[in-house]
Amino acid sequence: MKITHEIAGGAARVEIRGELEAGRCDCLRAYWSKHLAGELATVDVRLAEVDGVDGESVATLVDLIRGHLGAAAEVTLHDPPQMLAHTLYKIGLLDHAALTLVNPRSDEQGYG
């Protein structure tokens, strides 16, 4: 997993690449806490280059997304893996006005 980000004003752009698996969830949380914990108006997450995702990683991403939504940030997920998009649907977060999914993927199964 590789993560890069840019912050300009109150807007953050994050790109995640590679495999998201349970063993890296602590790294993902630590990165997020260090670089993206400030007051942000928008968080734009690009996931097109995520190759695979497991259940624990989905739960971690959902928690991080909820944190931003709870802080009144608008969150946009570009090319989210099917497993993440489906989880957001199942827990009712897709009804949140500040969450937008762009081009959710439907062809992969994830793993784990």
PDB file of N, CA and C in Angstrom:
ATOM      1  N   MET A   1       0.848  -1.171   0.000  1.00  0.00           N
ATOM      2  CA  MET A   1       0.000   0.000   0.000  1.00  0.00           C
ATOM      3  C   MET A   1       0.893   1.233   0.000  1.00  0.00           C
ATOM      4  N   LYS A   2       0.536   2.182  -0.849  1.00  0.00           N
ATOM      5  CA  LYS A   2       1.215   3.469  -0.884  1.00  0.00           C
ATOM      6  C   LYS A   2       0.159   4.555  -0.819  1.00  0.00           C
ATOM      7  N   ILE A   3       0.439   5.576  -0.031  1.00  0.00           N
ATOM      8  CA  ILE A   3      -0.498   6.685   0.129  1.00  0.00           C
ATOM      9  C   ILE A   3       0.254   7.976  -0.130  1.00  0.00           C
ATOM     10  N   THR A   4      -0.360   8.850  -0.905  1.00  0.00           N
ATOM     11  CA  THR A   4       0.165  10.200  -1.076  1.00  0.00           C
ATOM     12  C   THR A   4      -0.985  11.172  -0.834  1.00  0.00           C
ATOM     13  N   HIS A   5      -0.637  12.387  -0.490  1.00  0.00           N
ATOM     14  CA  HIS A   5      -1.683  13.379  -0.270  1.00  0.00           C
ATOM     15  C   HIS A   5      -1.161  14.773  -0.601  1.00  0.00           C
ATOM     16  N   GLU A   6      -2.105  15.659  -0.839  1.00  0.00           N
ATOM     17  CA  GLU A   6      -1.841  17.082  -1.015  1.00  0.00           C
ATOM     18  C   GLU A   6      -2.926  17.815  -0.246  1.00  0.00           C
ATOM     19  N   ILE A   7      -2.531  18.874   0.445  1.00  0.00           N
ATOM     20  CA  ILE A   7      -3.515  19.697   1.145  1.00  0.00           C
ATOM     21  C   ILE A   7      -3.323  21.133   0.697  1.00  0.00           C
ATOM     22  N   ALA A   8      -4.391  21.744   0.271  1.00  0.00           N
ATOM     23  CA  ALA A   8      -4.391  23.147  -0.119  1.00  0.00           C
ATOM     24  C   ALA A   8      -5.586  23.805   0.554  1.00  0.00           C
ATOM     25  N   GLY A   9      -5.294  24.727   1.447  1.00  0.00           N
ATOM     26  CA  GLY A   9      -6.382  25.344   2.199  1.00  0.00           C
ATOM     27  C   GLY A   9      -7.078  24.280   3.025  1.00  0.00           C
ATOM     28  N   GLY A  10      -8.372  24.175   2.892  1.00  0.00           N
ATOM     29  CA  GLY A  10      -9.132  23.170   3.625  1.00  0.00           C
ATOM     30  C   GLY A  10      -9.487  21.959   2.798  1.00  0.00           C
ATOM     31  N   ALA A  11      -8.767  21.771   1.681  1.00  0.00           N
ATOM     32  CA  ALA A  11      -9.063  20.639   0.798  1.00  0.00           C
ATOM     33  C   ALA A  11      -7.900  19.658   0.782  1.00  0.00           C
ATOM     34  N   ALA A  12      -8.231  18.393   0.937  1.00  0.00           N
ATOM     35  CA  ALA A  12      -7.211  17.338   0.891  1.00  0.00           C
ATOM     36  C   ALA A  12      -7.501  16.428  -0.287  1.00  0.00           C
ATOM     37  N   ARG A  13      -6.436  16.044  -0.978  1.00  0.00           N
ATOM     38  CA  ARG A  13      -6.528  15.055  -2.053  1.00  0.00           C
ATOM     39  C   ARG A  13      -5.621  13.903  -1.656  1.00  0.00           C
ATOM     40  N   VAL A  14      -6.196  12.709  -1.564  1.00  0.00           N
ATOM     41  CA  VAL A  14      -5.471  11.524  -1.123  1.00  0.00           C
ATOM     42  C   VAL A  14      -5.523  10.488  -2.240  1.00  0.00           C
ATOM     43  N   GLU A  15      -4.392   9.830  -2.474  1.00  0.00           N
ATOM     44  CA  GLU A  15      -4.374   8.731  -3.429  1.00  0.00           C
ATOM     45  C   GLU A  15      -3.815   7.506  -2.730  1.00  0.00           C
ATOM     46  N   ILE A  16      -4.561   6.402  -2.814  1.00  0.00           N
ATOM     47  CA  ILE A  16      -4.141   5.136  -2.220  1.00  0.00           C
ATOM     48  C   ILE A  16      -3.928   4.143  -3.353  1.00  0.00           C
ATOM     49  N   ARG A  17      -2.777   3.454  -3.313  1.00  0.00           N
ATOM     50  CA  ARG A  17      -2.437   2.485  -4.358  1.00  0.00           C
ATOM     51  C   ARG A  17      -2.015   1.175  -3.719  1.00  0.00           C
ATOM     52  N   GLY A  18      -2.191   0.093  -4.455  1.00  0.00           N
ATOM     53  CA  GLY A  18      -1.746  -1.215  -3.995  1.00  0.00           C
ATOM     54  C   GLY A  18      -2.831  -1.965  -3.257  1.00  0.00           C
ATOM     55  N   GLU A  19      -2.417  -2.932  -2.452  1.00  0.00           N
ATOM     56  CA  GLU A  19      -3.354  -3.767  -1.705  1.00  0.00           C
ATOM     57  C   GLU A  19      -3.580  -3.209  -0.310  1.00  0.00           C
ATOM     58  N   LEU A  20      -4.841  -3.201   0.087  1.00  0.00           N
ATOM     59  CA  LEU A  20      -5.198  -2.815   1.446  1.00  0.00           C
ATOM     60  C   LEU A  20      -5.542  -4.091   2.184  1.00  0.00           C
ATOM     61  N   GLU A  21      -4.731  -4.428   3.157  1.00  0.00           N
ATOM     62  CA  GLU A  21      -4.965  -5.657   3.903  1.00  0.00           C
ATOM     63  C   GLU A  21      -4.826  -5.382   5.386  1.00  0.00           C
ATOM     64  N   ALA A  22      -5.391  -6.257   6.190  1.00  0.00           N
ATOM     65  CA  ALA A  22      -5.495  -6.068   7.637  1.00  0.00           C
ATOM     66  C   ALA A  22      -4.175  -5.693   8.293  1.00  0.00           C
ATOM     67  N   GLY A  23      -3.090  -6.289   7.856  1.00  0.00           N
ATOM     68  CA  GLY A  23      -1.789  -6.000   8.467  1.00  0.00           C
ATOM     69  C   GLY A  23      -1.325  -4.574   8.293  1.00  0.00           C
ATOM     70  N   ARG A  24      -1.978  -3.831   7.422  1.00  0.00           N
ATOM     71  CA  ARG A  24      -1.569  -2.448   7.163  1.00  0.00           C
ATOM     72  C   ARG A  24      -2.568  -1.424   7.684  1.00  0.00           C
ATOM     73  N   CYS A  25      -3.602  -1.863   8.352  1.00  0.00           N
ATOM     74  CA  CYS A  25      -4.619  -0.939   8.848  1.00  0.00           C
ATOM     75  C   CYS A  25      -4.047   0.060   9.835  1.00  0.00           C
ATOM     76  N   ASP A  26      -3.138  -0.404  10.714  1.00  0.00           N
ATOM     77  CA  ASP A  26      -2.527   0.519  11.675  1.00  0.00           C
ATOM     78  C   ASP A  26      -1.727   1.586  10.959  1.00  0.00           C
ATOM     79  N   CYS A  27      -1.051   1.215   9.877  1.00  0.00           N
ATOM     80  CA  CYS A  27      -0.290   2.191   9.088  1.00  0.00           C
ATOM     81  C   CYS A  27      -1.239   3.205   8.448  1.00  0.00           C
ATOM     82  N   LEU A  28      -2.357   2.726   7.938  1.00  0.00           N
ATOM     83  CA  LEU A  28      -3.332   3.614   7.318  1.00  0.00           C
ATOM     84  C   LEU A  28      -3.890   4.598   8.337  1.00  0.00           C
ATOM     85  N   ARG A  29      -4.267   4.098   9.514  1.00  0.00           N
ATOM     86  CA  ARG A  29      -4.778   4.987  10.571  1.00  0.00           C
ATOM     87  C   ARG A  29      -3.717   5.995  11.016  1.00  0.00           C
ATOM     88  N   ALA A  30      -2.491   5.537  11.180  1.00  0.00           N
ATOM     89  CA  ALA A  30      -1.411   6.424  11.614  1.00  0.00           C
ATOM     90  C   ALA A  30      -1.156   7.515  10.575  1.00  0.00           C
ATOM     91  N   TYR A  31      -1.130   7.128   9.313  1.00  0.00           N
ATOM     92  CA  TYR A  31      -0.920   8.102   8.236  1.00  0.00           C
ATOM     93  C   TYR A  31      -2.041   9.136   8.262  1.00  0.00           C
ATOM     94  N   TRP A  32      -3.280   8.652   8.351  1.00  0.00           N
ATOM     95  CA  TRP A  32      -4.439   9.541   8.350  1.00  0.00           C
ATOM     96  C   TRP A  32      -4.381  10.500   9.532  1.00  0.00           C
ATOM     97  N   SER A  33      -4.049   9.971  10.714  1.00  0.00           N
ATOM     98  CA  SER A  33      -3.983  10.804  11.917  1.00  0.00           C
ATOM     99  C   SER A  33      -2.905  11.879  11.806  1.00  0.00           C
ATOM    100  N   LYS A  34      -1.805  11.512  11.213  1.00  0.00           N
ATOM    101  CA  LYS A  34      -0.690  12.452  11.096  1.00  0.00           C
ATOM    102  C   LYS A  34      -0.932  13.526  10.037  1.00  0.00           C
ATOM    103  N   HIS A  35      -1.476  13.135   8.894  1.00  0.00           N
ATOM    104  CA  HIS A  35      -1.536  14.052   7.764  1.00  0.00           C
ATOM    105  C   HIS A  35      -2.917  14.624   7.454  1.00  0.00           C
ATOM    106  N   LEU A  36      -3.972  13.967   7.899  1.00  0.00           N
ATOM    107  CA  LEU A  36      -5.314  14.379   7.476  1.00  0.00           C
ATOM    108  C   LEU A  36      -6.267  14.625   8.640  1.00  0.00           C
ATOM    109  N   ALA A  37      -5.732  14.873   9.821  1.00  0.00           N
ATOM    110  CA  ALA A  37      -6.576  15.019  11.002  1.00  0.00           C
ATOM    111  C   ALA A  37      -7.041  16.454  11.237  1.00  0.00           C
ATOM    112  N   GLY A  38      -6.520  17.399  10.485  1.00  0.00           N
ATOM    113  CA  GLY A  38      -6.904  18.793  10.688  1.00  0.00           C
ATOM    114  C   GLY A  38      -8.308  19.077  10.205  1.00  0.00           C
ATOM    115  N   GLU A  39      -8.714  20.322  10.377  1.00  0.00           N
ATOM    116  CA  GLU A  39     -10.040  20.727   9.909  1.00  0.00           C
ATOM    117  C   GLU A  39     -10.001  20.848   8.395  1.00  0.00           C
ATOM    118  N   LEU A  40     -10.763  20.015   7.742  1.00  0.00           N
ATOM    119  CA  LEU A  40     -10.812  20.003   6.294  1.00  0.00           C
ATOM    120  C   LEU A  40     -12.247  20.200   5.822  1.00  0.00           C
ATOM    121  N   ALA A  41     -12.424  21.001   4.787  1.00  0.00           N
ATOM    122  CA  ALA A  41     -13.757  21.199   4.221  1.00  0.00           C
ATOM    123  C   ALA A  41     -14.084  20.089   3.229  1.00  0.00           C
ATOM    124  N   THR A  42     -13.060  19.619   2.512  1.00  0.00           N
ATOM    125  CA  THR A  42     -13.278  18.548   1.542  1.00  0.00           C
ATOM    126  C   THR A  42     -12.134  17.547   1.603  1.00  0.00           C
ATOM    127  N   VAL A  43     -12.490  16.287   1.402  1.00  0.00           N
ATOM    128  CA  VAL A  43     -11.511  15.208   1.324  1.00  0.00           C
ATOM    129  C   VAL A  43     -11.840  14.421   0.060  1.00  0.00           C
ATOM    130  N   ASP A  44     -10.892  14.389  -0.855  1.00  0.00           N
ATOM    131  CA  ASP A  44     -11.050  13.737  -2.148  1.00  0.00           C
ATOM    132  C   ASP A  44     -10.118  12.527  -2.159  1.00  0.00           C
ATOM    133  N   VAL A  45     -10.691  11.315  -2.157  1.00  0.00           N
ATOM    134  CA  VAL A  45      -9.887  10.097  -2.051  1.00  0.00           C
ATOM    135  C   VAL A  45      -9.944   9.347  -3.377  1.00  0.00           C
ATOM    136  N   ARG A  46      -8.787   9.111  -3.938  1.00  0.00           N
ATOM    137  CA  ARG A  46      -8.662   8.411  -5.224  1.00  0.00           C
ATOM    138  C   ARG A  46      -8.216   6.979  -4.966  1.00  0.00           C
ATOM    139  N   LEU A  47      -9.038   6.025  -5.411  1.00  0.00           N
ATOM    140  CA  LEU A  47      -8.809   4.615  -5.115  1.00  0.00           C
ATOM    141  C   LEU A  47      -8.677   3.746  -6.367  1.00  0.00           C
ATOM    142  N   ALA A  48      -8.504   4.355  -7.523  1.00  0.00           N
ATOM    143  CA  ALA A  48      -8.463   3.604  -8.783  1.00  0.00           C
ATOM    144  C   ALA A  48      -7.343   2.577  -8.814  1.00  0.00           C
ATOM    145  N   GLU A  49      -6.251   2.845  -8.120  1.00  0.00           N
ATOM    146  CA  GLU A  49      -5.108   1.937  -8.165  1.00  0.00           C
ATOM    147  C   GLU A  49      -5.029   1.005  -6.955  1.00  0.00           C
ATOM    148  N   VAL A  50      -6.136   0.874  -6.230  1.00  0.00           N
ATOM    149  CA  VAL A  50      -6.200  -0.117  -5.160  1.00  0.00           C
ATOM    150  C   VAL A  50      -6.482  -1.459  -5.829  1.00  0.00           C
ATOM    151  N   ASP A  51      -5.577  -2.412  -5.593  1.00  0.00           N
ATOM    152  CA  ASP A  51      -5.668  -3.715  -6.260  1.00  0.00           C
ATOM    153  C   ASP A  51      -6.558  -4.710  -5.533  1.00  0.00           C
ATOM    154  N   GLY A  52      -6.619  -4.651  -4.243  1.00  0.00           N
ATOM    155  CA  GLY A  52      -7.402  -5.579  -3.452  1.00  0.00           C
ATOM    156  C   GLY A  52      -7.652  -4.970  -2.085  1.00  0.00           C
ATOM    157  N   VAL A  53      -8.725  -5.404  -1.455  1.00  0.00           N
ATOM    158  CA  VAL A  53      -9.077  -4.864  -0.145  1.00  0.00           C
ATOM    159  C   VAL A  53      -9.723  -5.978   0.667  1.00  0.00           C
ATOM    160  N   ASP A  54      -9.410  -6.026   1.947  1.00  0.00           N
ATOM    161  CA  ASP A  54     -10.039  -7.029   2.805  1.00  0.00           C
ATOM    162  C   ASP A  54     -11.019  -6.349   3.756  1.00  0.00           C
ATOM    163  N   GLY A  55     -11.757  -7.150   4.506  1.00  0.00           N
ATOM    164  CA  GLY A  55     -12.810  -6.637   5.375  1.00  0.00           C
ATOM    165  C   GLY A  55     -12.329  -5.669   6.434  1.00  0.00           C
ATOM    166  N   GLU A  56     -11.201  -5.957   7.062  1.00  0.00           N
ATOM    167  CA  GLU A  56     -10.699  -5.064   8.108  1.00  0.00           C
ATOM    168  C   GLU A  56     -10.287  -3.716   7.522  1.00  0.00           C
ATOM    169  N   SER A  57      -9.721  -3.735   6.343  1.00  0.00           N
ATOM    170  CA  SER A  57      -9.342  -2.482   5.691  1.00  0.00           C
ATOM    171  C   SER A  57     -10.572  -1.663   5.322  1.00  0.00           C
ATOM    172  N   VAL A  58     -11.622  -2.333   4.872  1.00  0.00           N
ATOM    173  CA  VAL A  58     -12.877  -1.635   4.581  1.00  0.00           C
ATOM    174  C   VAL A  58     -13.401  -0.980   5.854  1.00  0.00           C
ATOM    175  N   ALA A  59     -13.388  -1.703   6.956  1.00  0.00           N
ATOM    176  CA  ALA A  59     -13.864  -1.145   8.228  1.00  0.00           C
ATOM    177  C   ALA A  59     -13.028   0.067   8.633  1.00  0.00           C
ATOM    178  N   THR A  60     -11.723  -0.005   8.430  1.00  0.00           N
ATOM    179  CA  THR A  60     -10.850   1.118   8.756  1.00  0.00           C
ATOM    180  C   THR A  60     -11.197   2.332   7.892  1.00  0.00           C
ATOM    181  N   LEU A  61     -11.344   2.120   6.587  1.00  0.00           N
ATOM    182  CA  LEU A  61     -11.708   3.225   5.696  1.00  0.00           C
ATOM    183  C   LEU A  61     -13.060   3.824   6.070  1.00  0.00           C
ATOM    184  N   VAL A  62     -14.022   2.982   6.410  1.00  0.00           N
ATOM    185  CA  VAL A  62     -15.333   3.482   6.815  1.00  0.00           C
ATOM    186  C   VAL A  62     -15.201   4.362   8.059  1.00  0.00           C
ATOM    187  N   ASP A  63     -14.417   3.947   9.035  1.00  0.00           N
ATOM    188  CA  ASP A  63     -14.202   4.757  10.239  1.00  0.00           C
ATOM    189  C   ASP A  63     -13.578   6.105   9.900  1.00  0.00           C
ATOM    190  N   LEU A  64     -12.587   6.099   9.012  1.00  0.00           N
ATOM    191  CA  LEU A  64     -11.917   7.345   8.621  1.00  0.00           C
ATOM    192  C   LEU A  64     -12.884   8.270   7.881  1.00  0.00           C
ATOM    193  N   ILE A  65     -13.679   7.699   6.999  1.00  0.00           N
ATOM    194  CA  ILE A  65     -14.668   8.482   6.263  1.00  0.00           C
ATOM    195  C   ILE A  65     -15.697   9.073   7.226  1.00  0.00           C
ATOM    196  N   ARG A  66     -16.193   8.255   8.151  1.00  0.00           N
ATOM    197  CA  ARG A  66     -17.158   8.741   9.153  1.00  0.00           C
ATOM    198  C   ARG A  66     -16.583   9.902   9.954  1.00  0.00           C
ATOM    199  N   GLY A  67     -15.305   9.803  10.293  1.00  0.00           N
ATOM    200  CA  GLY A  67     -14.669  10.881  11.047  1.00  0.00           C
ATOM    201  C   GLY A  67     -14.727  12.209  10.318  1.00  0.00           C
ATOM    202  N   HIS A  68     -14.467  12.185   9.021  1.00  0.00           N
ATOM    203  CA  HIS A  68     -14.528  13.423   8.241  1.00  0.00           C
ATOM    204  C   HIS A  68     -15.962  13.909   8.092  1.00  0.00           C
ATOM    205  N   LEU A  69     -16.886  12.997   7.847  1.00  0.00           N
ATOM    206  CA  LEU A  69     -18.288  13.392   7.723  1.00  0.00           C
ATOM    207  C   LEU A  69     -18.795  13.983   9.031  1.00  0.00           C
ATOM    208  N   GLY A  70     -18.367  13.406  10.156  1.00  0.00           N
ATOM    209  CA  GLY A  70     -18.756  13.912  11.464  1.00  0.00           C
ATOM    210  C   GLY A  70     -18.188  15.288  11.756  1.00  0.00           C
ATOM    211  N   ALA A  71     -17.085  15.613  11.093  1.00  0.00           N
ATOM    212  CA  ALA A  71     -16.466  16.929  11.257  1.00  0.00           C
ATOM    213  C   ALA A  71     -16.960  17.906  10.185  1.00  0.00           C
ATOM    214  N   ALA A  72     -18.035  17.549   9.510  1.00  0.00           N
ATOM    215  CA  ALA A  72     -18.690  18.388   8.503  1.00  0.00           C
ATOM    216  C   ALA A  72     -17.871  18.575   7.231  1.00  0.00           C
ATOM    217  N   ALA A  73     -17.013  17.639   6.920  1.00  0.00           N
ATOM    218  CA  ALA A  73     -16.272  17.698   5.659  1.00  0.00           C
ATOM    219  C   ALA A  73     -17.074  16.988   4.578  1.00  0.00           C
ATOM    220  N   GLU A  74     -16.904  17.435   3.346  1.00  0.00           N
ATOM    221  CA  GLU A  74     -17.460  16.721   2.209  1.00  0.00           C
ATOM    222  C   GLU A  74     -16.421  15.708   1.750  1.00  0.00           C
ATOM    223  N   VAL A  75     -16.849  14.465   1.552  1.00  0.00           N
ATOM    224  CA  VAL A  75     -15.937  13.389   1.165  1.00  0.00           C
ATOM    225  C   VAL A  75     -16.362  12.844  -0.190  1.00  0.00           C
ATOM    226  N   THR A  76     -15.399  12.760  -1.104  1.00  0.00           N
ATOM    227  CA  THR A  76     -15.642  12.169  -2.417  1.00  0.00           C
ATOM    228  C   THR A  76     -14.683  11.002  -2.593  1.00  0.00           C
ATOM    229  N   LEU A  77     -15.231   9.840  -2.943  1.00  0.00           N
ATOM    230  CA  LEU A  77     -14.429   8.654  -3.196  1.00  0.00           C
ATOM    231  C   LEU A  77     -14.470   8.359  -4.690  1.00  0.00           C
ATOM    232  N   HIS A  78     -13.309   8.376  -5.324  1.00  0.00           N
ATOM    233  CA  HIS A  78     -13.204   8.089  -6.746  1.00  0.00           C
ATOM    234  C   HIS A  78     -12.796   6.634  -6.932  1.00  0.00           C
ATOM    235  N   ASP A  79     -13.545   5.900  -7.743  1.00  0.00           N
ATOM    236  CA  ASP A  79     -13.255   4.503  -8.070  1.00  0.00           C
ATOM    237  C   ASP A  79     -13.121   3.619  -6.831  1.00  0.00           C
ATOM    238  N   PRO A  80     -14.059   3.722  -5.885  1.00  0.00           N
ATOM    239  CA  PRO A  80     -13.947   2.876  -4.698  1.00  0.00           C
ATOM    240  C   PRO A  80     -14.142   1.403  -5.050  1.00  0.00           C
ATOM    241  N   PRO A  81     -13.394   0.525  -4.390  1.00  0.00           N
ATOM    242  CA  PRO A  81     -13.599  -0.911  -4.599  1.00  0.00           C
ATOM    243  C   PRO A  81     -15.043  -1.292  -4.256  1.00  0.00           C
ATOM    244  N   GLN A  82     -15.527  -2.307  -4.916  1.00  0.00           N
ATOM    245  CA  GLN A  82     -16.903  -2.754  -4.733  1.00  0.00           C
ATOM    246  C   GLN A  82     -17.206  -3.047  -3.266  1.00  0.00           C
ATOM    247  N   MET A  83     -16.286  -3.694  -2.589  1.00  0.00           N
ATOM    248  CA  MET A  83     -16.510  -4.071  -1.190  1.00  0.00           C
ATOM    249  C   MET A  83     -16.717  -2.830  -0.312  1.00  0.00           C
ATOM    250  N   LEU A  84     -15.967  -1.762  -0.554  1.00  0.00           N
ATOM    251  CA  LEU A  84     -16.127  -0.524   0.205  1.00  0.00           C
ATOM    252  C   LEU A  84     -17.459   0.140  -0.137  1.00  0.00           C
ATOM    253  N   ALA A  85     -17.769   0.263  -1.416  1.00  0.00           N
ATOM    254  CA  ALA A  85     -19.025   0.892  -1.829  1.00  0.00           C
ATOM    255  C   ALA A  85     -20.228   0.139  -1.262  1.00  0.00           C
ATOM    256  N   HIS A  86     -20.175  -1.190  -1.300  1.00  0.00           N
ATOM    257  CA  HIS A  86     -21.289  -1.996  -0.790  1.00  0.00           C
ATOM    258  C   HIS A  86     -21.429  -1.834   0.723  1.00  0.00           C
ATOM    259  N   THR A  87     -20.331  -1.773   1.429  1.00  0.00           N
ATOM    260  CA  THR A  87     -20.391  -1.578   2.886  1.00  0.00           C
ATOM    261  C   THR A  87     -20.990  -0.221   3.217  1.00  0.00           C
ATOM    262  N   LEU A  88     -20.577   0.823   2.505  1.00  0.00           N
ATOM    263  CA  LEU A  88     -21.146   2.152   2.738  1.00  0.00           C
ATOM    264  C   LEU A  88     -22.657   2.142   2.493  1.00  0.00           C
ATOM    265  N   TYR A  89     -23.081   1.395   1.487  1.00  0.00           N
ATOM    266  CA  TYR A  89     -24.510   1.242   1.211  1.00  0.00           C
ATOM    267  C   TYR A  89     -25.209   0.516   2.367  1.00  0.00           C
ATOM    268  N   LYS A  90     -24.629  -0.617   2.795  1.00  0.00           N
ATOM    269  CA  LYS A  90     -25.268  -1.443   3.836  1.00  0.00           C
ATOM    270  C   LYS A  90     -25.436  -0.697   5.144  1.00  0.00           C
ATOM    271  N   ILE A  91     -24.504   0.169   5.490  1.00  0.00           N
ATOM    272  CA  ILE A  91     -24.604   0.872   6.776  1.00  0.00           C
ATOM    273  C   ILE A  91     -25.310   2.215   6.655  1.00  0.00           C
ATOM    274  N   GLY A  92     -25.779   2.546   5.453  1.00  0.00           N
ATOM    275  CA  GLY A  92     -26.578   3.752   5.265  1.00  0.00           C
ATOM    276  C   GLY A  92     -25.796   5.036   5.046  1.00  0.00           C
ATOM    277  N   LEU A  93     -24.496   4.959   4.870  1.00  0.00           N
ATOM    278  CA  LEU A  93     -23.724   6.186   4.678  1.00  0.00           C
ATOM    279  C   LEU A  93     -23.904   6.790   3.289  1.00  0.00           C
ATOM    280  N   LEU A  94     -24.361   6.013   2.325  1.00  0.00           N
ATOM    281  CA  LEU A  94     -24.569   6.586   0.996  1.00  0.00           C
ATOM    282  C   LEU A  94     -25.696   7.613   0.997  1.00  0.00           C
ATOM    283  N   ASP A  95     -26.519   7.603   2.039  1.00  0.00           N
ATOM    284  CA  ASP A  95     -27.580   8.599   2.162  1.00  0.00           C
ATOM    285  C   ASP A  95     -27.069   9.921   2.720  1.00  0.00           C
ATOM    286  N   HIS A  96     -25.835   9.950   3.195  1.00  0.00           N
ATOM    287  CA  HIS A  96     -25.271  11.172   3.761  1.00  0.00           C
ATOM    288  C   HIS A  96     -25.018  12.172   2.637  1.00  0.00           C
ATOM    289  N   ALA A  97     -25.543  13.366   2.783  1.00  0.00           N
ATOM    290  CA  ALA A  97     -25.456  14.381   1.723  1.00  0.00           C
ATOM    291  C   ALA A  97     -24.024  14.787   1.402  1.00  0.00           C
ATOM    292  N   ALA A  98     -23.100  14.625   2.337  1.00  0.00           N
ATOM    293  CA  ALA A  98     -21.721  15.071   2.126  1.00  0.00           C
ATOM    294  C   ALA A  98     -20.810  13.980   1.575  1.00  0.00           C
ATOM    295  N   LEU A  99     -21.359  12.794   1.289  1.00  0.00           N
ATOM    296  CA  LEU A  99     -20.557  11.696   0.744  1.00  0.00           C
ATOM    297  C   LEU A  99     -20.949  11.438  -0.705  1.00  0.00           C
ATOM    298  N   THR A 100     -19.935  11.434  -1.574  1.00  0.00           N
ATOM    299  CA  THR A 100     -20.165  11.187  -2.994  1.00  0.00           C
ATOM    300  C   THR A 100     -19.251  10.074  -3.467  1.00  0.00           C
ATOM    301  N   LEU A 101     -19.805   9.131  -4.195  1.00  0.00           N
ATOM    302  CA  LEU A 101     -19.011   8.082  -4.842  1.00  0.00           C
ATOM    303  C   LEU A 101     -19.002   8.357  -6.338  1.00  0.00           C
ATOM    304  N   VAL A 102     -17.816   8.346  -6.917  1.00  0.00           N
ATOM    305  CA  VAL A 102     -17.653   8.565  -8.346  1.00  0.00           C
ATOM    306  C   VAL A 102     -17.106   7.276  -8.952  1.00  0.00           C
ATOM    307  N   ASN A 103     -17.833   6.709  -9.884  1.00  0.00           N
ATOM    308  CA  ASN A 103     -17.399   5.526 -10.616  1.00  0.00           C
ATOM    309  C   ASN A 103     -17.050   4.335  -9.712  1.00  0.00           C
ATOM    310  N   PRO A 104     -17.984   3.918  -8.837  1.00  0.00           N
ATOM    311  CA  PRO A 104     -17.684   2.742  -8.003  1.00  0.00           C
ATOM    312  C   PRO A 104     -17.442   1.520  -8.884  1.00  0.00           C
ATOM    313  N   ARG A 105     -16.471   0.734  -8.484  1.00  0.00           N
ATOM    314  CA  ARG A 105     -16.134  -0.477  -9.262  1.00  0.00           C
ATOM    315  C   ARG A 105     -17.095  -1.597  -8.930  1.00  0.00           C
ATOM    316  N   SER A 106     -17.342  -2.449  -9.907  1.00  0.00           N
ATOM    317  CA  SER A 106     -18.260  -3.567  -9.679  1.00  0.00           C
ATOM    318  C   SER A 106     -17.699  -4.892 -10.159  1.00  0.00           C
ATOM    319  N   ASP A 107     -16.462  -4.893 -10.596  1.00  0.00           N
ATOM    320  CA  ASP A 107     -15.942  -6.109 -11.216  1.00  0.00           C
ATOM    321  C   ASP A 107     -14.965  -6.888 -10.367  1.00  0.00           C
ATOM    322  N   GLU A 108     -14.665  -6.432  -9.171  1.00  0.00           N
ATOM    323  CA  GLU A 108     -13.698  -7.184  -8.385  1.00  0.00           C
ATOM    324  C   GLU A 108     -14.333  -7.749  -7.126  1.00  0.00           C
ATOM    325  N   GLN A 109     -13.732  -8.743  -6.570  1.00  0.00           N
ATOM    326  CA  GLN A 109     -14.273  -9.408  -5.395  1.00  0.00           C
ATOM    327  C   GLN A 109     -13.552  -9.037  -4.114  1.00  0.00           C
ATOM    328  N   GLY A 110     -12.411  -8.370  -4.201  1.00  0.00           N
ATOM    329  CA  GLY A 110     -11.617  -8.137  -3.004  1.00  0.00           C
ATOM    330  C   GLY A 110     -10.999  -9.444  -2.567  1.00  0.00           C
ATOM    331  N   TYR A 111     -10.610  -9.537  -1.336  1.00  0.00           N
ATOM    332  CA  TYR A 111     -10.103 -10.790  -0.792  1.00  0.00           C
ATOM    333  C   TYR A 111     -10.275 -10.771   0.702  1.00  0.00           C
ATOM    334  N   GLY A 112     -10.006 -11.872   1.358  1.00  0.00           N
ATOM    335  CA  GLY A 112     -10.092 -11.935   2.814  1.00  0.00           C
ATOM    336  C   GLY A 112     -11.441 -12.244   3.221  1.00  0.00           C
TER     337      GLY A 112
END
